[in-house]
């Protein structure tokens, strides 16, 4: 399954800020630290130099990834026509068969965060929710079997 290229405006801004921070702040600092460590002499046993070079490679790899990814991402903003149905960016309150209630937000794969209850648009739950309305029932196949969920509430951050 391929990753979708959708992202919220706030998610895009966060990735863009990370890229700018890495490029303009952290990379120059690490480059200077590596240069200073190299000036100390023997590089083969110089922990600051070895760690600095490793960190520089990590930063460069992340900068390349973010640069390419930001070019292909499509920002999806709320539209009034979405009201009342589940689409990208929606917050959804779901109730399972035993009455447990959870709230989830559908976001792009670059910004999902389980600690915030943000689920990826590519997840089975989100794919089952797209286009549904309040009081609809969805069925999701999980590793532990089929789960029936009921949509109690849908809202968007505008």
Protein backbone atom coordinates (compact mmCIF):
# COMPACT_ATOMS: atom_id res chain seq x y z
CA UNK A 1 0.00 0.00 0.00
CA UNK A 2 1.39 3.41 -0.94
CA UNK A 3 1.39 6.44 1.29
CA UNK A 4 -1.10 9.17 0.54
CA UNK A 5 0.26 12.64 -0.10
CA UNK A 6 -2.35 14.50 1.95
CA UNK A 7 -1.45 16.68 4.90
CA UNK A 8 -3.14 19.31 7.03
CA UNK A 9 -1.91 22.89 6.75
CA UNK A 10 -0.57 22.73 10.33
CA UNK A 11 1.24 19.47 9.53
CA UNK A 12 2.87 20.98 6.45
CA UNK A 13 3.99 24.02 8.44
CA UNK A 14 5.51 21.78 11.11
CA UNK A 15 7.52 19.81 8.54
CA UNK A 16 8.60 23.04 6.83
CA UNK A 17 9.73 24.51 10.17
CA UNK A 18 11.68 21.33 10.93
CA UNK A 19 13.42 21.57 7.56
CA UNK A 20 14.31 25.24 8.10
CA UNK A 21 15.56 24.54 11.63
CA UNK A 22 17.76 21.66 10.49
CA UNK A 23 19.15 23.59 7.52
CA UNK A 24 19.69 27.00 9.11
CA UNK A 25 20.35 26.25 12.77
CA UNK A 26 21.32 22.67 13.65
CA UNK A 27 23.40 21.77 10.59
CA UNK A 28 25.68 24.83 10.87
CA UNK A 29 26.16 24.15 14.60
CA UNK A 30 27.05 20.50 14.05
CA UNK A 31 29.33 21.40 11.12
CA UNK A 32 31.19 23.85 13.35
CA UNK A 33 31.45 21.25 16.14
CA UNK A 34 32.88 18.69 13.67
CA UNK A 35 35.36 21.26 12.40
CA UNK A 36 36.45 22.11 15.93
CA UNK A 37 36.80 18.42 16.83
CA UNK A 38 38.83 17.75 13.66
CA UNK A 39 41.26 20.49 14.67
CA UNK A 40 42.09 18.58 17.85
CA UNK A 41 44.14 16.03 15.96
CA UNK A 42 43.71 12.25 15.68
CA UNK A 43 40.22 11.69 14.30
CA UNK A 44 40.16 7.91 14.66
CA UNK A 45 39.71 8.07 18.45
CA UNK A 46 38.02 11.45 18.66
CA UNK A 47 34.49 10.76 19.96
CA UNK A 48 33.26 14.31 19.29
CA UNK A 49 34.41 14.09 15.68
CA UNK A 50 32.95 10.61 15.10
CA UNK A 51 29.62 11.48 16.73
CA UNK A 52 29.48 14.83 14.93
CA UNK A 53 30.00 13.21 11.51
CA UNK A 54 27.32 10.64 12.31
CA UNK A 55 24.88 13.37 13.41
CA UNK A 56 25.67 15.37 10.27
CA UNK A 57 24.77 12.37 8.08
CA UNK A 58 21.47 11.98 9.99
CA UNK A 59 20.65 15.67 9.53
CA UNK A 60 21.50 15.56 5.81
CA UNK A 61 19.36 12.45 5.34
CA UNK A 62 16.39 14.12 7.08
CA UNK A 63 16.87 17.34 5.07
CA UNK A 64 16.83 15.36 1.79
CA UNK A 65 13.71 13.47 2.87
CA UNK A 66 11.84 16.60 3.98
CA UNK A 67 12.79 18.53 0.84
CA UNK A 68 11.46 15.80 -1.42
CA UNK A 69 8.39 15.07 0.70
CA UNK A 70 7.28 18.71 1.02
CA UNK A 71 7.34 19.00 -2.78
CA UNK A 72 4.78 16.21 -3.24
CA UNK A 73 2.50 16.82 -0.27
CA UNK A 74 -0.96 18.23 -0.95
CA UNK A 75 -2.42 20.47 1.75
CA UNK A 76 -6.07 19.71 2.45
CA UNK A 77 -8.09 22.45 4.12
CA UNK A 78 -11.58 22.22 5.56
CA UNK A 79 -14.43 22.94 3.15
CA UNK A 80 -18.00 23.66 4.33
CA UNK A 81 -19.32 20.86 2.08
CA UNK A 82 -17.57 18.37 4.36
CA UNK A 83 -19.77 19.25 7.33
CA UNK A 84 -21.67 16.23 8.64
CA UNK A 85 -19.50 13.60 6.91
CA UNK A 86 -16.12 12.11 7.66
CA UNK A 87 -13.32 13.32 5.41
CA UNK A 88 -9.64 14.16 5.77
CA UNK A 89 -8.97 16.29 8.85
CA UNK A 90 -12.14 15.26 10.67
CA UNK A 91 -12.37 14.50 14.35
CA UNK A 92 -14.59 11.47 14.90
CA UNK A 93 -16.05 10.10 18.12
CA UNK A 94 -16.42 6.33 17.89
CA UNK A 95 -18.15 3.91 20.22
CA UNK A 96 -17.42 0.20 20.22
CA UNK A 97 -19.79 -2.67 20.98
CA UNK A 98 -19.18 -2.53 24.74
CA UNK A 99 -19.73 1.22 24.98
CA UNK A 100 -16.12 2.43 25.10
CA UNK A 101 -15.79 5.84 23.45
CA UNK A 102 -12.68 7.15 21.69
CA UNK A 103 -12.02 10.23 19.60
CA UNK A 104 -9.71 10.19 16.58
CA UNK A 105 -8.55 12.73 14.04
CA UNK A 106 -7.86 11.63 10.46
CA UNK A 107 -4.56 13.11 9.26
CA UNK A 108 -1.83 12.37 6.72
CA UNK A 109 0.70 9.61 7.18
CA UNK A 110 3.42 12.20 7.86
CA UNK A 111 1.63 13.58 10.90
CA UNK A 112 -0.17 10.67 12.59
CA UNK A 113 0.44 10.53 16.32
CA UNK A 114 -1.10 7.81 18.52
CA UNK A 115 -0.50 9.88 21.66
CA UNK A 116 -2.84 12.58 20.27
CA UNK A 117 -5.28 10.01 18.78
CA UNK A 118 -4.37 11.16 15.28
CA UNK A 119 -4.72 8.26 12.84
CA UNK A 120 -3.41 8.07 9.29
CA UNK A 121 -5.79 8.42 6.36
CA UNK A 122 -4.21 5.17 5.14
CA UNK A 123 -5.20 3.19 8.26
CA UNK A 124 -8.01 0.61 8.05
CA UNK A 125 -10.18 2.57 10.52
CA UNK A 126 -9.82 5.84 8.60
CA UNK A 127 -10.49 4.16 5.24
CA UNK A 128 -13.67 2.66 6.70
CA UNK A 129 -14.79 6.05 8.04
CA UNK A 130 -14.41 8.17 4.88
CA UNK A 131 -17.78 9.42 3.65
CA UNK A 132 -19.74 8.14 6.65
CA UNK A 133 -22.12 10.19 8.81
CA UNK A 134 -23.22 10.33 12.45
CA UNK A 135 -25.05 7.14 13.53
CA UNK A 136 -23.42 5.07 10.77
CA UNK A 137 -21.82 1.78 11.76
CA UNK A 138 -18.49 0.63 10.38
CA UNK A 139 -16.77 -2.70 10.51
CA UNK A 140 -13.00 -2.89 10.78
CA UNK A 141 -10.92 -6.04 10.53
CA UNK A 142 -8.18 -6.06 13.17
CA UNK A 143 -5.62 -8.71 14.11
CA UNK A 144 -7.99 -9.81 16.90
CA UNK A 145 -11.00 -10.04 14.56
CA UNK A 146 -13.83 -7.89 13.28
CA UNK A 147 -14.75 -4.81 15.29
CA UNK A 148 -17.99 -2.85 14.92
CA UNK A 149 -17.80 0.87 15.62
CA UNK A 150 -20.57 3.47 15.74
CA UNK A 151 -20.05 7.11 14.79
CA UNK A 152 -21.38 9.37 17.55
CA UNK A 153 -19.98 12.73 16.50
CA UNK A 154 -18.02 14.40 13.67
CA UNK A 155 -16.36 17.82 13.77
CA UNK A 156 -13.61 19.80 12.08
CA UNK A 157 -11.09 22.35 13.29
CA UNK A 158 -11.71 25.32 11.07
